[in-house]
Amino acid sequence: MDKKMVEATVTVEGARVPIGLMNVDQALELARESGMKFSHPDGVAGETDHLLTRGELASLVASN
């Protein structure tokens, strides 16, 4: 799963702001920020409303 793409987002003043598109490994290497979420890697990065926390993304990667 490490080559699947996700969109990283963070909440700023109550609004979700995109940080960028990256593969799962890159996403898990990002600095830990409060409110950071990632699109589900089985969806289309940047086009899905199914968002995961860093822990959920890491667990999903570990289970595959």
PDB file of N, CA and C in Angstrom:
ATOM      1  N   MET A   1       0.812  -1.196   0.000  1.00  0.00           N
ATOM      2  CA  MET A   1       0.000   0.000   0.000  1.00  0.00           C
ATOM      3  C   MET A   1       0.853   1.257   0.000  1.00  0.00           C
ATOM      4  N   ASP A   2       2.139   1.191   0.204  1.00  0.00           N
ATOM      5  CA  ASP A   2       2.956   2.383   0.403  1.00  0.00           C
ATOM      6  C   ASP A   2       3.005   3.320  -0.797  1.00  0.00           C
ATOM      7  N   LYS A   3       2.584   2.900  -1.978  1.00  0.00           N
ATOM      8  CA  LYS A   3       2.602   3.779  -3.145  1.00  0.00           C
ATOM      9  C   LYS A   3       1.251   4.400  -3.453  1.00  0.00           C
ATOM     10  N   LYS A   4       0.236   4.088  -2.654  1.00  0.00           N
ATOM     11  CA  LYS A   4      -1.068   4.724  -2.852  1.00  0.00           C
ATOM     12  C   LYS A   4      -0.970   6.179  -2.435  1.00  0.00           C
ATOM     13  N   MET A   5      -1.758   7.021  -3.090  1.00  0.00           N
ATOM     14  CA  MET A   5      -1.723   8.453  -2.843  1.00  0.00           C
ATOM     15  C   MET A   5      -2.816   8.865  -1.863  1.00  0.00           C
ATOM     16  N   VAL A   6      -2.476   9.849  -1.029  1.00  0.00           N
ATOM     17  CA  VAL A   6      -3.435  10.446  -0.100  1.00  0.00           C
ATOM     18  C   VAL A   6      -3.291  11.964  -0.167  1.00  0.00           C
ATOM     19  N   GLU A   7      -4.316  12.648   0.299  1.00  0.00           N
ATOM     20  CA  GLU A   7      -4.227  14.092   0.467  1.00  0.00           C
ATOM     21  C   GLU A   7      -4.125  14.376   1.959  1.00  0.00           C
ATOM     22  N   ALA A   8      -3.133  15.151   2.348  1.00  0.00           N
ATOM     23  CA  ALA A   8      -2.988  15.573   3.740  1.00  0.00           C
ATOM     24  C   ALA A   8      -3.690  16.909   3.908  1.00  0.00           C
ATOM     25  N   THR A   9      -4.465  17.023   4.988  1.00  0.00           N
ATOM     26  CA  THR A   9      -5.161  18.276   5.288  1.00  0.00           C
ATOM     27  C   THR A   9      -4.981  18.591   6.769  1.00  0.00           C
ATOM     28  N   VAL A  10      -5.169  19.852   7.121  1.00  0.00           N
ATOM     29  CA  VAL A  10      -5.118  20.268   8.514  1.00  0.00           C
ATOM     30  C   VAL A  10      -6.237  21.283   8.734  1.00  0.00           C
ATOM     31  N   THR A  11      -6.764  21.334   9.950  1.00  0.00           N
ATOM     32  CA  THR A  11      -7.813  22.287  10.267  1.00  0.00           C
ATOM     33  C   THR A  11      -7.182  23.599  10.737  1.00  0.00           C
ATOM     34  N   VAL A  12      -7.551  24.688  10.070  1.00  0.00           N
ATOM     35  CA  VAL A  12      -7.076  26.023  10.425  1.00  0.00           C
ATOM     36  C   VAL A  12      -8.301  26.915  10.594  1.00  0.00           C
ATOM     37  N   GLU A  13      -8.470  27.439  11.779  1.00  0.00           N
ATOM     38  CA  GLU A  13      -9.602  28.310  12.092  1.00  0.00           C
ATOM     39  C   GLU A  13     -10.942  27.690  11.679  1.00  0.00           C
ATOM     40  N   GLY A  14     -11.085  26.398  11.932  1.00  0.00           N
ATOM     41  CA  GLY A  14     -12.330  25.694  11.666  1.00  0.00           C
ATOM     42  C   GLY A  14     -12.528  25.209  10.244  1.00  0.00           C
ATOM     43  N   ALA A  15     -11.598  25.537   9.350  1.00  0.00           N
ATOM     44  CA  ALA A  15     -11.712  25.105   7.950  1.00  0.00           C
ATOM     45  C   ALA A  15     -10.612  24.096   7.628  1.00  0.00           C
ATOM     46  N   ARG A  16     -10.948  23.100   6.816  1.00  0.00           N
ATOM     47  CA  ARG A  16      -9.975  22.097   6.398  1.00  0.00           C
ATOM     48  C   ARG A  16      -9.156  22.665   5.238  1.00  0.00           C
ATOM     49  N   VAL A  17      -7.825  22.700   5.406  1.00  0.00           N
ATOM     50  CA  VAL A  17      -6.913  23.273   4.413  1.00  0.00           C
ATOM     51  C   VAL A  17      -6.020  22.157   3.865  1.00  0.00           C
ATOM     52  N   PRO A  18      -5.970  21.981   2.532  1.00  0.00           N
ATOM     53  CA  PRO A  18      -5.110  20.946   1.962  1.00  0.00           C
ATOM     54  C   PRO A  18      -3.632  21.321   2.097  1.00  0.00           C
ATOM     55  N   ILE A  19      -2.830  20.330   2.442  1.00  0.00           N
ATOM     56  CA  ILE A  19      -1.376  20.518   2.518  1.00  0.00           C
ATOM     57  C   ILE A  19      -0.725  20.012   1.250  1.00  0.00           C
ATOM     58  N   GLY A  20      -1.215  18.873   0.747  1.00  0.00           N
ATOM     59  CA  GLY A  20      -0.667  18.352  -0.491  1.00  0.00           C
ATOM     60  C   GLY A  20      -1.011  16.898  -0.718  1.00  0.00           C
ATOM     61  N   LEU A  21      -0.706  16.437  -1.917  1.00  0.00           N
ATOM     62  CA  LEU A  21      -0.877  15.037  -2.297  1.00  0.00           C
ATOM     63  C   LEU A  21       0.469  14.350  -2.161  1.00  0.00           C
ATOM     64  N   MET A  22       0.451  13.142  -1.618  1.00  0.00           N
ATOM     65  CA  MET A  22       1.693  12.404  -1.399  1.00  0.00           C
ATOM     66  C   MET A  22       1.380  10.929  -1.239  1.00  0.00           C
ATOM     67  N   ASN A  23       2.437  10.091  -1.263  1.00  0.00           N
ATOM     68  CA  ASN A  23       2.172   8.681  -1.015  1.00  0.00           C
ATOM     69  C   ASN A  23       2.041   8.460   0.492  1.00  0.00           C
ATOM     70  N   VAL A  24       1.572   7.305   0.882  1.00  0.00           N
ATOM     71  CA  VAL A  24       1.278   7.003   2.281  1.00  0.00           C
ATOM     72  C   VAL A  24       2.526   7.145   3.147  1.00  0.00           C
ATOM     73  N   ASP A  25       3.674   6.648   2.689  1.00  0.00           N
ATOM     74  CA  ASP A  25       4.906   6.750   3.479  1.00  0.00           C
ATOM     75  C   ASP A  25       5.255   8.204   3.757  1.00  0.00           C
ATOM     76  N   GLN A  26       5.157   9.053   2.749  1.00  0.00           N
ATOM     77  CA  GLN A  26       5.452  10.471   2.931  1.00  0.00           C
ATOM     78  C   GLN A  26       4.469  11.100   3.923  1.00  0.00           C
ATOM     79  N   ALA A  27       3.209  10.729   3.827  1.00  0.00           N
ATOM     80  CA  ALA A  27       2.190  11.271   4.726  1.00  0.00           C
ATOM     81  C   ALA A  27       2.498  10.932   6.178  1.00  0.00           C
ATOM     82  N   LEU A  28       2.914   9.694   6.415  1.00  0.00           N
ATOM     83  CA  LEU A  28       3.204   9.272   7.784  1.00  0.00           C
ATOM     84  C   LEU A  28       4.489   9.886   8.320  1.00  0.00           C
ATOM     85  N   GLU A  29       5.332  10.439   7.449  1.00  0.00           N
ATOM     86  CA  GLU A  29       6.569  11.096   7.873  1.00  0.00           C
ATOM     87  C   GLU A  29       6.380  12.587   8.166  1.00  0.00           C
ATOM     88  N   LEU A  30       5.220  13.139   7.846  1.00  0.00           N
ATOM     89  CA  LEU A  30       4.972  14.558   8.109  1.00  0.00           C
ATOM     90  C   LEU A  30       5.026  14.849   9.607  1.00  0.00           C
ATOM     91  N   ALA A  31       5.366  16.092   9.932  1.00  0.00           N
ATOM     92  CA  ALA A  31       5.349  16.523  11.327  1.00  0.00           C
ATOM     93  C   ALA A  31       3.939  16.368  11.878  1.00  0.00           C
ATOM     94  N   ARG A  32       3.840  16.030  13.129  1.00  0.00           N
ATOM     95  CA  ARG A  32       2.526  15.851  13.767  1.00  0.00           C
ATOM     96  C   ARG A  32       1.924  17.219  14.050  1.00  0.00           C
ATOM     97  N   GLU A  33       0.765  17.450  13.487  1.00  0.00           N
ATOM     98  CA  GLU A  33       0.029  18.696  13.686  1.00  0.00           C
ATOM     99  C   GLU A  33      -1.354  18.359  14.220  1.00  0.00           C
ATOM    100  N   SER A  34      -1.832  19.160  15.119  1.00  0.00           N
ATOM    101  CA  SER A  34      -3.182  18.971  15.640  1.00  0.00           C
ATOM    102  C   SER A  34      -4.186  19.177  14.514  1.00  0.00           C
ATOM    103  N   GLY A  35      -5.145  18.277  14.399  1.00  0.00           N
ATOM    104  CA  GLY A  35      -6.186  18.412  13.383  1.00  0.00           C
ATOM    105  C   GLY A  35      -5.811  17.874  12.019  1.00  0.00           C
ATOM    106  N   MET A  36      -4.638  17.246  11.893  1.00  0.00           N
ATOM    107  CA  MET A  36      -4.227  16.716  10.595  1.00  0.00           C
ATOM    108  C   MET A  36      -5.022  15.462  10.275  1.00  0.00           C
ATOM    109  N   LYS A  37      -5.488  15.377   9.040  1.00  0.00           N
ATOM    110  CA  LYS A  37      -6.233  14.212   8.548  1.00  0.00           C
ATOM    111  C   LYS A  37      -5.720  13.873   7.152  1.00  0.00           C
ATOM    112  N   PHE A  38      -5.987  12.632   6.747  1.00  0.00           N
ATOM    113  CA  PHE A  38      -5.536  12.133   5.452  1.00  0.00           C
ATOM    114  C   PHE A  38      -6.700  11.470   4.731  1.00  0.00           C
ATOM    115  N   SER A  39      -6.767  11.647   3.431  1.00  0.00           N
ATOM    116  CA  SER A  39      -7.807  10.964   2.665  1.00  0.00           C
ATOM    117  C   SER A  39      -7.536   9.465   2.703  1.00  0.00           C
ATOM    118  N   HIS A  40      -8.592   8.677   2.604  1.00  0.00           N
ATOM    119  CA  HIS A  40      -8.439   7.219   2.617  1.00  0.00           C
ATOM    120  C   HIS A  40      -7.686   6.799   1.359  1.00  0.00           C
ATOM    121  N   PRO A  41      -6.636   5.968   1.493  1.00  0.00           N
ATOM    122  CA  PRO A  41      -5.824   5.593   0.330  1.00  0.00           C
ATOM    123  C   PRO A  41      -6.561   4.775  -0.732  1.00  0.00           C
ATOM    124  N   ASP A  42      -7.730   4.220  -0.411  1.00  0.00           N
ATOM    125  CA  ASP A  42      -8.491   3.483  -1.416  1.00  0.00           C
ATOM    126  C   ASP A  42      -9.379   4.406  -2.240  1.00  0.00           C
ATOM    127  N   GLY A  43      -9.497   5.663  -1.831  1.00  0.00           N
ATOM    128  CA  GLY A  43     -10.268   6.650  -2.578  1.00  0.00           C
ATOM    129  C   GLY A  43      -9.364   7.421  -3.524  1.00  0.00           C
ATOM    130  N   VAL A  44      -9.909   8.410  -4.166  1.00  0.00           N
ATOM    131  CA  VAL A  44      -9.129   9.280  -5.041  1.00  0.00           C
ATOM    132  C   VAL A  44      -8.630  10.439  -4.191  1.00  0.00           C
ATOM    133  N   ALA A  45      -7.309  10.573  -4.073  1.00  0.00           N
ATOM    134  CA  ALA A  45      -6.721  11.632  -3.238  1.00  0.00           C
ATOM    135  C   ALA A  45      -7.256  12.995  -3.660  1.00  0.00           C
ATOM    136  N   GLY A  46      -7.741  13.744  -2.700  1.00  0.00           N
ATOM    137  CA  GLY A  46      -8.269  15.071  -2.967  1.00  0.00           C
ATOM    138  C   GLY A  46      -9.732  15.096  -3.367  1.00  0.00           C
ATOM    139  N   GLU A  47     -10.338  13.906  -3.556  1.00  0.00           N
ATOM    140  CA  GLU A  47     -11.732  13.861  -3.999  1.00  0.00           C
ATOM    141  C   GLU A  47     -12.626  13.047  -3.069  1.00  0.00           C
ATOM    142  N   THR A  48     -12.109  12.619  -1.945  1.00  0.00           N
ATOM    143  CA  THR A  48     -12.917  11.808  -1.031  1.00  0.00           C
ATOM    144  C   THR A  48     -13.179  12.556   0.263  1.00  0.00           C
ATOM    145  N   ASP A  49     -14.320  12.289   0.863  1.00  0.00           N
ATOM    146  CA  ASP A  49     -14.654  12.879   2.156  1.00  0.00           C
ATOM    147  C   ASP A  49     -14.344  11.912   3.300  1.00  0.00           C
ATOM    148  N   HIS A  50     -13.815  10.732   2.967  1.00  0.00           N
ATOM    149  CA  HIS A  50     -13.466   9.734   3.984  1.00  0.00           C
ATOM    150  C   HIS A  50     -12.056  10.058   4.475  1.00  0.00           C
ATOM    151  N   LEU A  51     -11.976  10.726   5.636  1.00  0.00           N
ATOM    152  CA  LEU A  51     -10.694  11.166   6.173  1.00  0.00           C
ATOM    153  C   LEU A  51     -10.274  10.299   7.350  1.00  0.00           C
ATOM    154  N   LEU A  52      -8.968  10.090   7.472  1.00  0.00           N
ATOM    155  CA  LEU A  52      -8.394   9.270   8.532  1.00  0.00           C
ATOM    156  C   LEU A  52      -7.410  10.084   9.361  1.00  0.00           C
ATOM    157  N   THR A  53      -7.295   9.747  10.634  1.00  0.00           N
ATOM    158  CA  THR A  53      -6.239  10.328  11.462  1.00  0.00           C
ATOM    159  C   THR A  53      -4.921   9.639  11.103  1.00  0.00           C
ATOM    160  N   ARG A  54      -3.815  10.173  11.597  1.00  0.00           N
ATOM    161  CA  ARG A  54      -2.504   9.538  11.371  1.00  0.00           C
ATOM    162  C   ARG A  54      -2.511   8.112  11.912  1.00  0.00           C
ATOM    163  N   GLY A  55      -3.067   7.906  13.099  1.00  0.00           N
ATOM    164  CA  GLY A  55      -3.123   6.573  13.697  1.00  0.00           C
ATOM    165  C   GLY A  55      -3.939   5.599  12.870  1.00  0.00           C
ATOM    166  N   GLU A  56      -5.075   6.059  12.370  1.00  0.00           N
ATOM    167  CA  GLU A  56      -5.911   5.204  11.523  1.00  0.00           C
ATOM    168  C   GLU A  56      -5.191   4.852  10.228  1.00  0.00           C
ATOM    169  N   LEU A  57      -4.492   5.824   9.633  1.00  0.00           N
ATOM    170  CA  LEU A  57      -3.750   5.563   8.400  1.00  0.00           C
ATOM    171  C   LEU A  57      -2.622   4.562   8.659  1.00  0.00           C
ATOM    172  N   ALA A  58      -1.894   4.751   9.747  1.00  0.00           N
ATOM    173  CA  ALA A  58      -0.814   3.832  10.101  1.00  0.00           C
ATOM    174  C   ALA A  58      -1.330   2.420  10.342  1.00  0.00           C
ATOM    175  N   SER A  59      -2.463   2.304  11.026  1.00  0.00           N
ATOM    176  CA  SER A  59      -3.061   0.993  11.284  1.00  0.00           C
ATOM    177  C   SER A  59      -3.497   0.317   9.985  1.00  0.00           C
ATOM    178  N   LEU A  60      -4.067   1.097   9.090  1.00  0.00           N
ATOM    179  CA  LEU A  60      -4.507   0.563   7.802  1.00  0.00           C
ATOM    180  C   LEU A  60      -3.313   0.026   7.010  1.00  0.00           C
ATOM    181  N   VAL A  61      -2.221   0.768   7.011  1.00  0.00           N
ATOM    182  CA  VAL A  61      -1.003   0.350   6.302  1.00  0.00           C
ATOM    183  C   VAL A  61      -0.448  -0.921   6.931  1.00  0.00           C
ATOM    184  N   ALA A  62      -0.421  -0.981   8.260  1.00  0.00           N
ATOM    185  CA  ALA A  62       0.120  -2.130   8.965  1.00  0.00           C
ATOM    186  C   ALA A  62      -0.707  -3.399   8.728  1.00  0.00           C
ATOM    187  N   SER A  63      -2.006  -3.231   8.515  1.00  0.00           N
ATOM    188  CA  SER A  63      -2.872  -4.399   8.325  1.00  0.00           C
ATOM    189  C   SER A  63      -2.822  -4.954   6.903  1.00  0.00           C
ATOM    190  N   ASN A  64      -2.227  -4.208   5.980  1.00  0.00           N
ATOM    191  CA  ASN A  64      -2.154  -4.676   4.578  1.00  0.00           C
ATOM    192  C   ASN A  64      -0.802  -5.207   4.237  1.00  0.00           C
TER     193      ASN A  64
END
